[in-house]
Amino acid sequence: GPAAGGGGPCSSAVRLERVLERQAGVVSLAQAVAAGMSADVVRRRAAAGRWTRLHPGIYLAGGHRLSDAARVWAAWLWAGAPVTVSGTAAAFCHGMLARPGPDVELTVPRSRSRPSRPGVRVRRRDLPAEDVTRLGGLTVTAVPLTALEAALRLPDGTAFLDRALQQHVGFEQVLRAYHRHLGARGWPAARGLLSAAATGAESTAERLLVGLLEDAGIDGWVLGHRVGPWRIDLAFPAAQVAIEVDGWAWHHDVDRFRGDRRKQNALVRAGWVPLRFTWHDLAHRPAAVLAEIRGALAAAA
């Protein structure tokens, strides 16, 4: 066998296997050659279907499935350093999303010209050091910027940002990331998200609900109706339907959570039908909200 420290076929295979294990089965041509495999062998394996060419010079080794992690690694390796995984792909890497999205978003410096390609969307911009981190070998946007940018990409972005603020990052950190990128594409929408998150949006949610009811021609409701010690956000007293509106969940502490449940139980015992809607429901599912209210009123009648 080869001498200690040598570069025999066994040690080459071990080096390659370590790369594949770290990179979800993906390897670049340069990495395969560095591990001791010739470029001709790589190309023959791809031609024979044993390896799959994902991007120019980037391969998925036989025996590995094309997972979401493999897609992210393949895009990142293809773009070449310096490149940063961003957007929903970064949220996936941080464990904030179950999937990275149909296209892997990458950020490259403005000094580089790297076109997008199928399955990969490239942005050119310079990222401050505070907004970049290393994660499992990948260079990824840091959690605060990731939370905000992913929220802008997603149809349920407000709900996503709410979960992120509950589980992954503080509001002040996200706000600082927002200020570091003032003037960036999509930032007016980011400002709207943060404004709603900062207030908790209870008052905004109530205004949204009132507007929905007025536009739909639904009457018979009153704001701030009292039942014993409890105040109902919006009530239909004749039908005994109580509607509670919530802002952003990340504001809610344990005491408030328990108080809300005691209030709901008391209303049920008093013969009321309670309905709860969030700011996200009212802003993004208005038709479903109205359908549920109409159904409750019809059942009461």
C-alpha atoms as a PDB file:
ATOM      1  CA  GLY A   1       0.000   0.000   0.000  1.00  0.00           C
ATOM      2  CA  PRO A   2       1.061   3.670  -0.145  1.00  0.00           C
ATOM      3  CA  ALA A   3       3.423   5.053   2.446  1.00  0.00           C
ATOM      4  CA  ALA A   4       2.004   7.115   5.303  1.00  0.00           C
ATOM      5  CA  GLY A   5       0.946  10.523   4.035  1.00  0.00           C
ATOM      6  CA  GLY A   6       0.938   9.255   0.464  1.00  0.00           C
ATOM      7  CA  GLY A   7      -1.689   9.927  -2.116  1.00  0.00           C
ATOM      8  CA  GLY A   8      -2.790   6.411  -3.065  1.00  0.00           C
ATOM      9  CA  PRO A   9      -6.256   5.529  -4.359  1.00  0.00           C
ATOM     10  CA  CYS A  10      -7.559   4.665  -0.880  1.00  0.00           C
ATOM     11  CA  SER A  11      -6.615   8.037   0.584  1.00  0.00           C
ATOM     12  CA  SER A  12      -8.027   9.790  -2.507  1.00  0.00           C
ATOM     13  CA  ALA A  13     -11.348   7.998  -2.064  1.00  0.00           C
ATOM     14  CA  VAL A  14     -11.467   8.964   1.610  1.00  0.00           C
ATOM     15  CA  ARG A  15     -10.774  12.610   0.808  1.00  0.00           C
ATOM     16  CA  LEU A  16     -13.486  12.644  -1.830  1.00  0.00           C
ATOM     17  CA  GLU A  17     -15.978  10.929   0.476  1.00  0.00           C
ATOM     18  CA  ARG A  18     -15.374  13.587   3.143  1.00  0.00           C
ATOM     19  CA  VAL A  19     -16.102  16.329   0.614  1.00  0.00           C
ATOM     20  CA  LEU A  20     -19.290  14.605  -0.533  1.00  0.00           C
ATOM     21  CA  GLU A  21     -20.480  14.080   3.025  1.00  0.00           C
ATOM     22  CA  ARG A  22     -19.993  17.756   3.885  1.00  0.00           C
ATOM     23  CA  GLN A  23     -21.587  19.004   0.662  1.00  0.00           C
ATOM     24  CA  ALA A  24     -24.707  16.813   0.421  1.00  0.00           C
ATOM     25  CA  GLY A  25     -23.185  14.682  -2.340  1.00  0.00           C
ATOM     26  CA  VAL A  26     -22.100  17.618  -4.513  1.00  0.00           C
ATOM     27  CA  VAL A  27     -18.526  18.195  -5.681  1.00  0.00           C
ATOM     28  CA  SER A  28     -16.846  20.580  -8.087  1.00  0.00           C
ATOM     29  CA  LEU A  29     -14.444  19.377 -10.750  1.00  0.00           C
ATOM     30  CA  ALA A  30     -11.630  21.260  -9.008  1.00  0.00           C
ATOM     31  CA  GLN A  31     -12.425  19.559  -5.683  1.00  0.00           C
ATOM     32  CA  ALA A  32     -12.503  16.110  -7.292  1.00  0.00           C
ATOM     33  CA  VAL A  33      -9.114  16.715  -8.900  1.00  0.00           C
ATOM     34  CA  ALA A  34      -7.712  18.033  -5.601  1.00  0.00           C
ATOM     35  CA  ALA A  35      -8.917  14.810  -3.948  1.00  0.00           C
ATOM     36  CA  GLY A  36      -6.864  12.769  -6.418  1.00  0.00           C
ATOM     37  CA  MET A  37      -9.357  12.030  -9.204  1.00  0.00           C
ATOM     38  CA  SER A  38      -8.460  12.955 -12.760  1.00  0.00           C
ATOM     39  CA  ALA A  39     -10.663  15.305 -14.736  1.00  0.00           C
ATOM     40  CA  ASP A  40     -11.112  12.609 -17.399  1.00  0.00           C
ATOM     41  CA  VAL A  41     -12.492  10.168 -14.828  1.00  0.00           C
ATOM     42  CA  VAL A  42     -14.998  12.795 -13.638  1.00  0.00           C
ATOM     43  CA  ARG A  43     -16.169  13.444 -17.192  1.00  0.00           C
ATOM     44  CA  ARG A  44     -16.433   9.727 -17.983  1.00  0.00           C
ATOM     45  CA  ARG A  45     -18.569   9.159 -14.895  1.00  0.00           C
ATOM     46  CA  ALA A  46     -20.860  12.009 -15.939  1.00  0.00           C
ATOM     47  CA  ALA A  47     -21.064  10.710 -19.510  1.00  0.00           C
ATOM     48  CA  ALA A  48     -21.943   7.239 -18.224  1.00  0.00           C
ATOM     49  CA  GLY A  49     -24.656   8.610 -15.957  1.00  0.00           C
ATOM     50  CA  ARG A  50     -22.896   7.614 -12.760  1.00  0.00           C
ATOM     51  CA  TRP A  51     -22.524  11.277 -11.806  1.00  0.00           C
ATOM     52  CA  THR A  52     -24.994  14.046 -12.683  1.00  0.00           C
ATOM     53  CA  ARG A  53     -23.811  17.391 -14.005  1.00  0.00           C
ATOM     54  CA  LEU A  54     -25.827  20.075 -12.165  1.00  0.00           C
ATOM     55  CA  HIS A  55     -23.983  23.196 -13.366  1.00  0.00           C
ATOM     56  CA  PRO A  56     -20.810  23.716 -15.395  1.00  0.00           C
ATOM     57  CA  GLY A  57     -18.051  21.997 -13.439  1.00  0.00           C
ATOM     58  CA  ILE A  58     -20.419  20.905 -10.634  1.00  0.00           C
ATOM     59  CA  TYR A  59     -21.567  17.303 -10.150  1.00  0.00           C
ATOM     60  CA  LEU A  60     -23.835  15.190  -7.963  1.00  0.00           C
ATOM     61  CA  ALA A  61     -22.017  11.955  -7.189  1.00  0.00           C
ATOM     62  CA  GLY A  62     -23.694   8.612  -7.759  1.00  0.00           C
ATOM     63  CA  GLY A  63     -25.630   7.268  -4.798  1.00  0.00           C
ATOM     64  CA  HIS A  64     -26.689  10.735  -3.630  1.00  0.00           C
ATOM     65  CA  ARG A  65     -30.116  12.242  -4.227  1.00  0.00           C
ATOM     66  CA  LEU A  66     -30.675  15.780  -5.420  1.00  0.00           C
ATOM     67  CA  SER A  67     -31.846  17.169  -2.085  1.00  0.00           C
ATOM     68  CA  ASP A  68     -32.557  20.827  -1.337  1.00  0.00           C
ATOM     69  CA  ALA A  69     -29.222  21.012   0.474  1.00  0.00           C
ATOM     70  CA  ALA A  70     -27.515  19.610  -2.631  1.00  0.00           C
ATOM     71  CA  ARG A  71     -29.157  22.288  -4.788  1.00  0.00           C
ATOM     72  CA  VAL A  72     -27.850  25.035  -2.500  1.00  0.00           C
ATOM     73  CA  TRP A  73     -24.339  23.572  -2.429  1.00  0.00           C
ATOM     74  CA  ALA A  74     -24.303  23.153  -6.205  1.00  0.00           C
ATOM     75  CA  ALA A  75     -25.318  26.771  -6.824  1.00  0.00           C
ATOM     76  CA  TRP A  76     -22.810  28.109  -4.281  1.00  0.00           C
ATOM     77  CA  LEU A  77     -19.921  26.044  -5.697  1.00  0.00           C
ATOM     78  CA  TRP A  78     -20.789  26.987  -9.266  1.00  0.00           C
ATOM     79  CA  ALA A  79     -20.765  30.746  -8.527  1.00  0.00           C
ATOM     80  CA  GLY A  80     -17.335  30.577  -6.896  1.00  0.00           C
ATOM     81  CA  ALA A  81     -15.976  32.678  -4.041  1.00  0.00           C
ATOM     82  CA  PRO A  82     -16.808  35.266  -2.906  1.00  0.00           C
ATOM     83  CA  VAL A  83     -20.492  34.392  -3.016  1.00  0.00           C
ATOM     84  CA  THR A  84     -23.176  34.444  -0.312  1.00  0.00           C
ATOM     85  CA  VAL A  85     -26.347  32.350  -0.154  1.00  0.00           C
ATOM     86  CA  SER A  86     -29.241  34.757   0.451  1.00  0.00           C
ATOM     87  CA  GLY A  87     -33.033  35.112   0.408  1.00  0.00           C
ATOM     88  CA  THR A  88     -35.176  32.042   1.016  1.00  0.00           C
ATOM     89  CA  ALA A  89     -32.199  29.742   0.390  1.00  0.00           C
ATOM     90  CA  ALA A  90     -30.406  31.374   3.327  1.00  0.00           C
ATOM     91  CA  ALA A  91     -33.558  30.962   5.434  1.00  0.00           C
ATOM     92  CA  PHE A  92     -33.501  27.259   4.566  1.00  0.00           C
ATOM     93  CA  CYS A  93     -29.850  27.011   5.632  1.00  0.00           C
ATOM     94  CA  HIS A  94     -30.646  28.677   8.978  1.00  0.00           C
ATOM     95  CA  GLY A  95     -33.539  26.274   9.606  1.00  0.00           C
ATOM     96  CA  MET A  96     -36.145  29.019   9.226  1.00  0.00           C
ATOM     97  CA  LEU A  97     -37.802  27.422   6.153  1.00  0.00           C
ATOM     98  CA  ALA A  98     -38.367  23.785   5.202  1.00  0.00           C
ATOM     99  CA  ARG A  99     -37.507  24.425   1.528  1.00  0.00           C
ATOM    100  CA  PRO A 100     -35.179  26.944  -0.167  1.00  0.00           C
ATOM    101  CA  GLY A 101     -37.587  27.869  -2.959  1.00  0.00           C
ATOM    102  CA  PRO A 102     -37.503  27.018  -6.682  1.00  0.00           C
ATOM    103  CA  ASP A 103     -34.395  29.140  -7.328  1.00  0.00           C
ATOM    104  CA  VAL A 104     -31.349  29.380  -5.086  1.00  0.00           C
ATOM    105  CA  GLU A 105     -30.575  33.057  -4.541  1.00  0.00           C
ATOM    106  CA  LEU A 106     -26.911  34.058  -4.407  1.00  0.00           C
ATOM    107  CA  THR A 107     -25.317  37.430  -3.743  1.00  0.00           C
ATOM    108  CA  VAL A 108     -22.031  38.332  -5.433  1.00  0.00           C
ATOM    109  CA  PRO A 109     -20.043  41.579  -5.068  1.00  0.00           C
ATOM    110  CA  ARG A 110     -20.800  44.408  -7.487  1.00  0.00           C
ATOM    111  CA  SER A 111     -17.304  44.014  -8.918  1.00  0.00           C
ATOM    112  CA  ARG A 112     -18.224  40.557 -10.226  1.00  0.00           C
ATOM    113  CA  SER A 113     -20.320  39.760 -13.260  1.00  0.00           C
ATOM    114  CA  ARG A 114     -22.053  36.428 -12.803  1.00  0.00           C
ATOM    115  CA  PRO A 115     -25.278  35.843 -14.766  1.00  0.00           C
ATOM    116  CA  SER A 116     -28.169  33.888 -13.348  1.00  0.00           C
ATOM    117  CA  ARG A 117     -28.885  30.448 -14.756  1.00  0.00           C
ATOM    118  CA  PRO A 118     -31.739  27.928 -14.453  1.00  0.00           C
ATOM    119  CA  GLY A 119     -32.304  27.210 -10.788  1.00  0.00           C
ATOM    120  CA  VAL A 120     -29.958  30.006  -9.640  1.00  0.00           C
ATOM    121  CA  ARG A 121     -30.738  33.706  -9.246  1.00  0.00           C
ATOM    122  CA  VAL A 122     -27.738  35.996  -8.811  1.00  0.00           C
ATOM    123  CA  ARG A 123     -27.832  39.453  -7.188  1.00  0.00           C
ATOM    124  CA  ARG A 124     -24.955  41.905  -7.420  1.00  0.00           C
ATOM    125  CA  ARG A 125     -24.417  43.955  -4.257  1.00  0.00           C
ATOM    126  CA  ASP A 126     -21.834  44.488  -1.554  1.00  0.00           C
ATOM    127  CA  LEU A 127     -22.774  43.083   1.853  1.00  0.00           C
ATOM    128  CA  PRO A 128     -21.426  44.525   5.118  1.00  0.00           C
ATOM    129  CA  ALA A 129     -19.462  42.056   7.242  1.00  0.00           C
ATOM    130  CA  GLU A 130     -22.245  42.127   9.873  1.00  0.00           C
ATOM    131  CA  ASP A 131     -24.648  40.603   7.337  1.00  0.00           C
ATOM    132  CA  VAL A 132     -22.512  37.595   6.389  1.00  0.00           C
ATOM    133  CA  THR A 133     -21.822  34.417   8.343  1.00  0.00           C
ATOM    134  CA  ARG A 134     -20.418  30.921   7.808  1.00  0.00           C
ATOM    135  CA  LEU A 135     -22.768  27.995   8.256  1.00  0.00           C
ATOM    136  CA  GLY A 136     -21.715  24.382   7.720  1.00  0.00           C
ATOM    137  CA  GLY A 137     -19.075  25.428   5.211  1.00  0.00           C
ATOM    138  CA  LEU A 138     -21.351  27.770   3.263  1.00  0.00           C
ATOM    139  CA  THR A 139     -21.225  31.561   3.278  1.00  0.00           C
ATOM    140  CA  VAL A 140     -24.752  32.741   4.100  1.00  0.00           C
ATOM    141  CA  THR A 141     -26.451  36.028   4.939  1.00  0.00           C
ATOM    142  CA  ALA A 142     -26.723  36.445   8.709  1.00  0.00           C
ATOM    143  CA  VAL A 143     -30.034  35.704  10.425  1.00  0.00           C
ATOM    144  CA  PRO A 144     -31.332  39.316  10.794  1.00  0.00           C
ATOM    145  CA  LEU A 145     -30.963  40.181   7.106  1.00  0.00           C
ATOM    146  CA  THR A 146     -32.116  36.699   6.091  1.00  0.00           C
ATOM    147  CA  ALA A 147     -35.335  37.048   8.113  1.00  0.00           C
ATOM    148  CA  LEU A 148     -36.224  40.346   6.475  1.00  0.00           C
ATOM    149  CA  GLU A 149     -35.285  39.398   2.912  1.00  0.00           C
ATOM    150  CA  ALA A 150     -37.008  36.032   3.030  1.00  0.00           C
ATOM    151  CA  ALA A 151     -40.158  37.725   4.341  1.00  0.00           C
ATOM    152  CA  LEU A 152     -40.127  39.971   1.267  1.00  0.00           C
ATOM    153  CA  ARG A 153     -39.868  36.957  -1.063  1.00  0.00           C
ATOM    154  CA  LEU A 154     -42.682  34.909   0.459  1.00  0.00           C
ATOM    155  CA  PRO A 155     -46.435  35.310  -0.165  1.00  0.00           C
ATOM    156  CA  ASP A 156     -46.992  34.822   3.592  1.00  0.00           C
ATOM    157  CA  GLY A 157     -44.052  37.051   4.471  1.00  0.00           C
ATOM    158  CA  THR A 158     -45.689  38.645   7.506  1.00  0.00           C
ATOM    159  CA  ALA A 159     -46.378  35.251   9.066  1.00  0.00           C
ATOM    160  CA  PHE A 160     -42.811  34.140   8.291  1.00  0.00           C
ATOM    161  CA  LEU A 161     -41.305  37.248   9.901  1.00  0.00           C
ATOM    162  CA  ASP A 162     -43.555  36.764  12.913  1.00  0.00           C
ATOM    163  CA  ARG A 163     -42.216  33.204  13.388  1.00  0.00           C
ATOM    164  CA  ALA A 164     -38.659  34.409  12.881  1.00  0.00           C
ATOM    165  CA  LEU A 165     -39.069  37.076  15.578  1.00  0.00           C
ATOM    166  CA  GLN A 166     -40.469  34.446  17.946  1.00  0.00           C
ATOM    167  CA  GLN A 167     -37.838  31.788  17.332  1.00  0.00           C
ATOM    168  CA  HIS A 168     -34.670  33.076  15.680  1.00  0.00           C
ATOM    169  CA  VAL A 169     -33.854  36.769  16.026  1.00  0.00           C
ATOM    170  CA  GLY A 170     -34.641  39.957  17.945  1.00  0.00           C
ATOM    171  CA  PHE A 171     -36.549  42.867  16.441  1.00  0.00           C
ATOM    172  CA  GLU A 172     -33.716  45.346  17.090  1.00  0.00           C
ATOM    173  CA  GLN A 173     -31.270  43.139  15.155  1.00  0.00           C
ATOM    174  CA  VAL A 174     -33.612  43.019  12.173  1.00  0.00           C
ATOM    175  CA  LEU A 175     -34.138  46.769  12.390  1.00  0.00           C
ATOM    176  CA  ARG A 176     -30.372  47.388  12.311  1.00  0.00           C
ATOM    177  CA  ALA A 177     -30.053  45.144   9.239  1.00  0.00           C
ATOM    178  CA  TYR A 178     -32.845  47.147   7.594  1.00  0.00           C
ATOM    179  CA  HIS A 179     -31.005  50.433   8.214  1.00  0.00           C
ATOM    180  CA  ARG A 180     -27.750  49.043   6.788  1.00  0.00           C
ATOM    181  CA  HIS A 181     -29.514  48.491   3.453  1.00  0.00           C
ATOM    182  CA  LEU A 182     -31.653  51.611   3.074  1.00  0.00           C
ATOM    183  CA  GLY A 183     -32.393  52.193  -0.581  1.00  0.00           C
ATOM    184  CA  ALA A 184     -32.130  48.510  -1.530  1.00  0.00           C
ATOM    185  CA  ARG A 185     -34.628  46.938  -3.899  1.00  0.00           C
ATOM    186  CA  GLY A 186     -37.912  46.144  -2.142  1.00  0.00           C
ATOM    187  CA  TRP A 187     -37.051  48.161   0.953  1.00  0.00           C
ATOM    188  CA  PRO A 188     -40.292  50.231   1.028  1.00  0.00           C
ATOM    189  CA  ALA A 189     -42.135  46.937   1.559  1.00  0.00           C
ATOM    190  CA  ALA A 190     -39.619  46.010   4.249  1.00  0.00           C
ATOM    191  CA  ARG A 191     -40.396  49.258   6.027  1.00  0.00           C
ATOM    192  CA  GLY A 192     -44.077  48.356   6.034  1.00  0.00           C
ATOM    193  CA  LEU A 193     -43.361  44.946   7.532  1.00  0.00           C
ATOM    194  CA  LEU A 194     -41.225  46.406  10.294  1.00  0.00           C
ATOM    195  CA  SER A 195     -43.724  49.172  11.069  1.00  0.00           C
ATOM    196  CA  ALA A 196     -46.451  46.589  11.595  1.00  0.00           C
ATOM    197  CA  ALA A 197     -44.170  44.372  13.666  1.00  0.00           C
ATOM    198  CA  ALA A 198     -43.037  47.267  15.852  1.00  0.00           C
ATOM    199  CA  THR A 199     -46.560  48.135  16.988  1.00  0.00           C
ATOM    200  CA  GLY A 200     -47.922  44.625  17.260  1.00  0.00           C
ATOM    201  CA  ALA A 201     -50.622  45.756  14.802  1.00  0.00           C
ATOM    202  CA  GLU A 202     -53.616  45.237  17.127  1.00  0.00           C
ATOM    203  CA  SER A 203     -55.083  48.625  16.227  1.00  0.00           C
ATOM    204  CA  THR A 204     -54.240  48.081  12.557  1.00  0.00           C
ATOM    205  CA  ALA A 205     -55.916  44.677  12.705  1.00  0.00           C
ATOM    206  CA  GLU A 206     -59.090  46.161  14.177  1.00  0.00           C
ATOM    207  CA  ARG A 207     -59.192  48.787  11.419  1.00  0.00           C
ATOM    208  CA  LEU A 208     -58.699  46.085   8.788  1.00  0.00           C
ATOM    209  CA  LEU A 209     -61.565  44.053  10.231  1.00  0.00           C
ATOM    210  CA  VAL A 210     -63.917  47.037  10.368  1.00  0.00           C
ATOM    211  CA  GLY A 211     -63.053  47.885   6.771  1.00  0.00           C
ATOM    212  CA  LEU A 212     -63.749  44.315   5.645  1.00  0.00           C
ATOM    213  CA  LEU A 213     -67.143  44.255   7.371  1.00  0.00           C
ATOM    214  CA  GLU A 214     -68.171  47.652   5.991  1.00  0.00           C
ATOM    215  CA  ASP A 215     -67.103  46.758   2.440  1.00  0.00           C
ATOM    216  CA  ALA A 216     -69.021  43.466   2.699  1.00  0.00           C
ATOM    217  CA  GLY A 217     -72.165  45.204   4.015  1.00  0.00           C
ATOM    218  CA  ILE A 218     -72.154  43.242   7.272  1.00  0.00           C
ATOM    219  CA  ASP A 219     -73.698  45.207  10.158  1.00  0.00           C
ATOM    220  CA  GLY A 220     -74.929  44.569  13.687  1.00  0.00           C
ATOM    221  CA  TRP A 221     -71.464  44.728  15.242  1.00  0.00           C
ATOM    222  CA  VAL A 222     -69.988  46.953  17.942  1.00  0.00           C
ATOM    223  CA  LEU A 223     -66.419  47.597  19.035  1.00  0.00           C
ATOM    224  CA  GLY A 224     -65.264  47.097  22.612  1.00  0.00           C
ATOM    225  CA  HIS A 225     -68.388  45.265  23.779  1.00  0.00           C
ATOM    226  CA  ARG A 226     -68.208  44.173  27.436  1.00  0.00           C
ATOM    227  CA  VAL A 227     -69.334  40.848  28.866  1.00  0.00           C
ATOM    228  CA  GLY A 228     -68.734  40.903  32.589  1.00  0.00           C
ATOM    229  CA  PRO A 229     -65.100  41.900  33.178  1.00  0.00           C
ATOM    230  CA  TRP A 230     -64.117  41.056  29.622  1.00  0.00           C
ATOM    231  CA  ARG A 231     -63.843  43.391  26.617  1.00  0.00           C
ATOM    232  CA  ILE A 232     -64.552  41.861  23.202  1.00  0.00           C
ATOM    233  CA  ASP A 233     -62.631  43.501  20.346  1.00  0.00           C
ATOM    234  CA  LEU A 234     -65.615  43.320  17.970  1.00  0.00           C
ATOM    235  CA  ALA A 235     -68.935  41.712  18.894  1.00  0.00           C
ATOM    236  CA  PHE A 236     -72.252  40.844  17.292  1.00  0.00           C
ATOM    237  CA  PRO A 237     -74.347  41.047  20.502  1.00  0.00           C
ATOM    238  CA  ALA A 238     -77.618  39.789  18.975  1.00  0.00           C
ATOM    239  CA  ALA A 239     -75.935  36.684  17.576  1.00  0.00           C
ATOM    240  CA  GLN A 240     -73.494  36.391  20.487  1.00  0.00           C
ATOM    241  CA  VAL A 241     -70.516  36.088  18.113  1.00  0.00           C
ATOM    242  CA  ALA A 242     -67.292  37.477  19.580  1.00  0.00           C
ATOM    243  CA  ILE A 243     -64.335  38.347  17.361  1.00  0.00           C
ATOM    244  CA  GLU A 244     -60.867  38.807  18.814  1.00  0.00           C
ATOM    245  CA  VAL A 245     -58.087  40.280  16.686  1.00  0.00           C
ATOM    246  CA  ASP A 246     -54.431  39.597  17.362  1.00  0.00           C
ATOM    247  CA  GLY A 247     -51.386  41.481  16.216  1.00  0.00           C
ATOM    248  CA  TRP A 248     -48.011  39.827  15.878  1.00  0.00           C
ATOM    249  CA  ALA A 249     -47.559  36.740  18.050  1.00  0.00           C
ATOM    250  CA  TRP A 250     -43.973  37.631  18.962  1.00  0.00           C
ATOM    251  CA  HIS A 251     -45.304  40.420  21.204  1.00  0.00           C
ATOM    252  CA  HIS A 252     -47.441  38.088  23.290  1.00  0.00           C
ATOM    253  CA  ASP A 253     -46.098  37.021  26.654  1.00  0.00           C
ATOM    254  CA  VAL A 254     -47.185  34.081  28.819  1.00  0.00           C
ATOM    255  CA  ASP A 255     -49.502  36.155  31.039  1.00  0.00           C
ATOM    256  CA  ARG A 256     -51.347  37.573  28.076  1.00  0.00           C
ATOM    257  CA  PHE A 257     -51.634  34.132  26.468  1.00  0.00           C
ATOM    258  CA  ARG A 258     -53.225  32.738  29.647  1.00  0.00           C
ATOM    259  CA  GLY A 259     -55.532  35.734  30.001  1.00  0.00           C
ATOM    260  CA  ASP A 260     -56.773  35.327  26.429  1.00  0.00           C
ATOM    261  CA  ARG A 261     -57.600  31.662  27.092  1.00  0.00           C
ATOM    262  CA  ARG A 262     -59.472  32.437  30.337  1.00  0.00           C
ATOM    263  CA  LYS A 263     -61.450  35.120  28.510  1.00  0.00           C
ATOM    264  CA  GLN A 264     -62.347  32.749  25.670  1.00  0.00           C
ATOM    265  CA  ASN A 265     -63.471  30.025  28.101  1.00  0.00           C
ATOM    266  CA  ALA A 266     -65.651  32.525  29.971  1.00  0.00           C
ATOM    267  CA  LEU A 267     -67.310  33.671  26.737  1.00  0.00           C
ATOM    268  CA  VAL A 268     -68.064  30.089  25.708  1.00  0.00           C
ATOM    269  CA  ARG A 269     -69.652  29.376  29.090  1.00  0.00           C
ATOM    270  CA  ALA A 270     -71.795  32.497  28.649  1.00  0.00           C
ATOM    271  CA  GLY A 271     -73.103  31.195  25.311  1.00  0.00           C
ATOM    272  CA  TRP A 272     -70.891  33.190  22.955  1.00  0.00           C
ATOM    273  CA  VAL A 273     -69.200  31.855  19.805  1.00  0.00           C
ATOM    274  CA  PRO A 274     -65.603  33.157  19.803  1.00  0.00           C
ATOM    275  CA  LEU A 275     -63.635  33.665  16.599  1.00  0.00           C
ATOM    276  CA  ARG A 276     -59.958  34.674  16.547  1.00  0.00           C
ATOM    277  CA  PHE A 277     -58.185  36.292  13.603  1.00  0.00           C
ATOM    278  CA  THR A 278     -54.627  37.523  13.277  1.00  0.00           C
ATOM    279  CA  TRP A 279     -53.246  40.542  11.483  1.00  0.00           C
ATOM    280  CA  HIS A 280     -51.940  38.077   8.888  1.00  0.00           C
ATOM    281  CA  ASP A 281     -55.427  36.588   8.360  1.00  0.00           C
ATOM    282  CA  LEU A 282     -57.018  39.977   7.836  1.00  0.00           C
ATOM    283  CA  ALA A 283     -54.280  41.246   5.532  1.00  0.00           C
ATOM    284  CA  HIS A 284     -53.835  38.126   3.408  1.00  0.00           C
ATOM    285  CA  ARG A 285     -56.962  35.943   3.801  1.00  0.00           C
ATOM    286  CA  PRO A 286     -59.831  38.456   3.867  1.00  0.00           C
ATOM    287  CA  ALA A 287     -62.236  36.251   1.897  1.00  0.00           C
ATOM    288  CA  ALA A 288     -61.735  33.344   4.294  1.00  0.00           C
ATOM    289  CA  VAL A 289     -62.240  35.649   7.289  1.00  0.00           C
ATOM    290  CA  LEU A 290     -65.532  36.973   5.905  1.00  0.00           C
ATOM    291  CA  ALA A 291     -66.712  33.458   5.062  1.00  0.00           C
ATOM    292  CA  GLU A 292     -66.070  32.305   8.633  1.00  0.00           C
ATOM    293  CA  ILE A 293     -67.877  35.304  10.131  1.00  0.00           C
ATOM    294  CA  ARG A 294     -70.864  34.822   7.831  1.00  0.00           C
ATOM    295  CA  GLY A 295     -70.977  31.137   8.729  1.00  0.00           C
ATOM    296  CA  ALA A 296     -70.992  31.890  12.458  1.00  0.00           C
ATOM    297  CA  LEU A 297     -73.742  34.510  12.064  1.00  0.00           C
ATOM    298  CA  ALA A 298     -75.832  32.160   9.922  1.00  0.00           C
ATOM    299  CA  ALA A 299     -75.489  29.363  12.482  1.00  0.00           C
ATOM    300  CA  ALA A 300     -76.539  31.699  15.271  1.00  0.00           C
ATOM    301  CA  ALA A 301     -79.582  32.854  13.315  1.00  0.00           C
END
